[in-house]
N, C-alpha and C. Protein backbone atom coordinates (compact mmCIF):
# COMPACT_ATOMS: atom_id res chain seq x y z
N UNK A 1 146.72 130.28 77.69
CA UNK A 1 145.53 129.97 76.91
C UNK A 1 144.78 128.83 77.61
N UNK A 2 143.47 129.00 77.74
CA UNK A 2 142.67 127.98 78.43
C UNK A 2 142.33 126.83 77.49
N UNK A 3 141.88 125.74 78.07
CA UNK A 3 141.45 124.58 77.30
C UNK A 3 140.32 124.95 76.33
N UNK A 4 139.41 125.79 76.77
CA UNK A 4 138.29 126.21 75.92
C UNK A 4 138.80 127.00 74.72
N UNK A 5 139.73 127.90 74.96
CA UNK A 5 140.30 128.68 73.85
C UNK A 5 141.01 127.78 72.85
N UNK A 6 141.72 126.79 73.35
CA UNK A 6 142.40 125.82 72.47
C UNK A 6 141.38 125.06 71.63
N UNK A 7 140.29 124.62 72.27
CA UNK A 7 139.24 123.90 71.53
C UNK A 7 138.61 124.77 70.46
N UNK A 8 138.31 126.03 70.81
CA UNK A 8 137.70 126.94 69.84
C UNK A 8 138.63 127.13 68.65
N UNK A 9 139.88 127.41 68.92
CA UNK A 9 140.83 127.66 67.83
C UNK A 9 141.05 126.42 66.97
N UNK A 10 141.01 125.25 67.59
CA UNK A 10 141.18 124.01 66.85
C UNK A 10 140.01 123.67 65.94
N UNK A 11 138.81 124.09 66.32
CA UNK A 11 137.60 123.79 65.54
C UNK A 11 137.11 124.98 64.72
N UNK A 12 137.75 126.12 64.85
CA UNK A 12 137.24 127.38 64.31
C UNK A 12 136.82 127.27 62.84
N UNK A 13 137.66 126.71 62.01
CA UNK A 13 137.36 126.66 60.57
C UNK A 13 136.13 125.83 60.23
N UNK A 14 135.78 124.89 61.09
CA UNK A 14 134.61 124.04 60.81
C UNK A 14 133.31 124.60 61.39
N UNK A 15 133.38 125.72 62.10
CA UNK A 15 132.19 126.32 62.70
C UNK A 15 131.36 127.07 61.66
N UNK A 16 130.06 127.17 61.93
CA UNK A 16 129.19 127.99 61.08
C UNK A 16 129.52 129.46 61.30
N UNK A 17 129.02 130.33 60.45
CA UNK A 17 129.28 131.76 60.59
C UNK A 17 128.78 132.29 61.95
N UNK A 18 127.60 131.85 62.37
CA UNK A 18 127.06 132.29 63.66
C UNK A 18 127.92 131.78 64.81
N UNK A 19 128.35 130.53 64.71
CA UNK A 19 129.22 129.97 65.75
C UNK A 19 130.55 130.71 65.80
N UNK A 20 131.09 131.07 64.65
CA UNK A 20 132.33 131.84 64.61
C UNK A 20 132.15 133.20 65.28
N UNK A 21 131.01 133.82 65.05
CA UNK A 21 130.74 135.11 65.68
C UNK A 21 130.68 134.97 67.20
N UNK A 22 130.03 133.91 67.68
CA UNK A 22 129.98 133.64 69.12
C UNK A 22 131.38 133.32 69.64
N UNK A 23 132.14 132.54 68.88
CA UNK A 23 133.50 132.19 69.28
C UNK A 23 134.38 133.43 69.37
N UNK A 24 134.26 134.32 68.39
CA UNK A 24 135.03 135.57 68.41
C UNK A 24 134.68 136.38 69.65
N UNK A 25 133.39 136.46 69.97
CA UNK A 25 132.96 137.19 71.15
C UNK A 25 133.56 136.54 72.40
N UNK A 26 133.50 135.22 72.47
CA UNK A 26 134.06 134.51 73.63
C UNK A 26 135.54 134.81 73.78
N UNK A 27 136.30 134.73 72.69
CA UNK A 27 137.74 134.94 72.76
C UNK A 27 138.11 136.35 73.20
N UNK A 28 137.26 137.32 72.87
CA UNK A 28 137.51 138.71 73.26
C UNK A 28 136.96 139.04 74.64
N UNK A 29 135.95 138.31 75.10
CA UNK A 29 135.26 138.62 76.36
C UNK A 29 135.00 137.36 77.19
N UNK A 30 136.03 136.61 77.53
CA UNK A 30 135.79 135.33 78.21
C UNK A 30 135.06 135.44 79.55
N UNK A 31 135.26 136.53 80.27
CA UNK A 31 134.60 136.67 81.58
C UNK A 31 133.10 136.90 81.43
N UNK A 32 132.66 137.47 80.31
CA UNK A 32 131.23 137.66 80.08
C UNK A 32 130.50 136.32 80.04
N UNK A 33 131.15 135.32 79.46
CA UNK A 33 130.51 134.02 79.27
C UNK A 33 130.19 133.37 80.61
N UNK A 34 131.03 133.56 81.59
CA UNK A 34 130.78 132.94 82.90
C UNK A 34 129.84 133.78 83.76
N UNK A 35 129.65 135.04 83.40
CA UNK A 35 128.86 135.90 84.28
C UNK A 35 127.51 136.33 83.70
N UNK A 36 127.26 136.05 82.43
CA UNK A 36 126.01 136.51 81.79
C UNK A 36 125.12 135.35 81.41
N UNK A 37 123.81 135.57 81.46
CA UNK A 37 122.90 134.55 80.92
C UNK A 37 123.03 134.48 79.40
N UNK A 38 122.67 133.35 78.85
CA UNK A 38 122.84 133.14 77.41
C UNK A 38 122.05 134.17 76.59
N UNK A 39 120.91 134.61 77.09
CA UNK A 39 120.13 135.60 76.34
C UNK A 39 120.89 136.92 76.22
N UNK A 40 121.61 137.31 77.26
CA UNK A 40 122.40 138.54 77.22
C UNK A 40 123.62 138.36 76.32
N UNK A 41 124.25 137.19 76.40
CA UNK A 41 125.37 136.90 75.50
C UNK A 41 124.93 136.99 74.05
N UNK A 42 123.76 136.42 73.78
CA UNK A 42 123.24 136.44 72.41
C UNK A 42 123.02 137.87 71.94
N UNK A 43 122.41 138.67 72.77
CA UNK A 43 122.15 140.06 72.42
C UNK A 43 123.45 140.84 72.21
N UNK A 44 124.40 140.68 73.12
CA UNK A 44 125.66 141.41 73.04
C UNK A 44 126.54 140.98 71.87
N UNK A 45 126.46 139.71 71.50
CA UNK A 45 127.32 139.19 70.44
C UNK A 45 126.68 139.24 69.06
N UNK A 46 125.37 139.48 69.01
CA UNK A 46 124.69 139.58 67.73
C UNK A 46 124.34 138.25 67.08
N UNK A 47 124.31 137.19 67.89
CA UNK A 47 123.88 135.88 67.39
C UNK A 47 122.81 135.33 68.33
N UNK A 48 122.14 134.29 67.92
CA UNK A 48 121.06 133.72 68.72
C UNK A 48 121.60 132.90 69.89
N UNK A 49 120.73 132.67 70.86
CA UNK A 49 121.07 131.78 71.97
C UNK A 49 121.40 130.39 71.44
N UNK A 50 120.68 129.96 70.42
CA UNK A 50 120.92 128.64 69.84
C UNK A 50 122.32 128.54 69.25
N UNK A 51 122.83 129.63 68.68
CA UNK A 51 124.19 129.62 68.13
C UNK A 51 125.21 129.40 69.24
N UNK A 52 124.97 129.96 70.40
CA UNK A 52 125.87 129.75 71.54
C UNK A 52 125.85 128.29 71.97
N UNK A 53 124.67 127.70 72.00
CA UNK A 53 124.55 126.29 72.39
C UNK A 53 125.24 125.41 71.35
N UNK A 54 125.02 125.72 70.07
CA UNK A 54 125.69 124.95 69.00
C UNK A 54 127.21 125.07 69.10
N UNK A 55 127.70 126.27 69.41
CA UNK A 55 129.15 126.45 69.58
C UNK A 55 129.65 125.53 70.69
N UNK A 56 128.96 125.54 71.83
CA UNK A 56 129.37 124.67 72.94
C UNK A 56 129.44 123.22 72.50
N UNK A 57 128.43 122.77 71.81
CA UNK A 57 128.39 121.37 71.37
C UNK A 57 129.46 121.09 70.33
N UNK A 58 129.73 122.05 69.46
CA UNK A 58 130.76 121.88 68.42
C UNK A 58 132.15 121.70 69.01
N UNK A 59 132.39 122.29 70.17
CA UNK A 59 133.71 122.17 70.78
C UNK A 59 133.75 121.13 71.91
N UNK A 60 132.69 120.34 72.01
CA UNK A 60 132.71 119.19 72.90
C UNK A 60 132.07 119.33 74.26
N UNK A 61 131.23 120.35 74.43
CA UNK A 61 130.52 120.54 75.69
C UNK A 61 129.03 120.30 75.49
N UNK A 62 128.32 119.98 76.57
CA UNK A 62 126.89 119.72 76.51
C UNK A 62 126.10 121.01 76.27
N UNK A 63 126.59 122.10 76.81
CA UNK A 63 125.90 123.38 76.70
C UNK A 63 126.71 124.45 77.41
N UNK A 64 126.12 125.61 77.57
CA UNK A 64 126.84 126.73 78.17
C UNK A 64 127.23 126.48 79.62
N UNK A 65 126.38 125.83 80.38
CA UNK A 65 126.71 125.54 81.79
C UNK A 65 127.89 124.59 81.88
N UNK A 66 127.96 123.64 80.97
CA UNK A 66 129.07 122.67 80.93
C UNK A 66 130.37 123.37 80.53
N UNK A 67 130.25 124.36 79.69
CA UNK A 67 131.42 125.13 79.22
C UNK A 67 132.08 125.80 80.39
């Protein structure tokens, strides 16, 4: 399990519904996150780009690039 997965699981209950949806997508498709632009991630996961950024910040990163 990666550090990011540990952070997500540790904060999961405190995330918003949209952040949880992004987190679920990340946990099932971790390689997509490193290879896709945030707009594609948003479309594929069914949440906004802003939800992805909020998820990153909620687990202690500045944004998707920092993740």
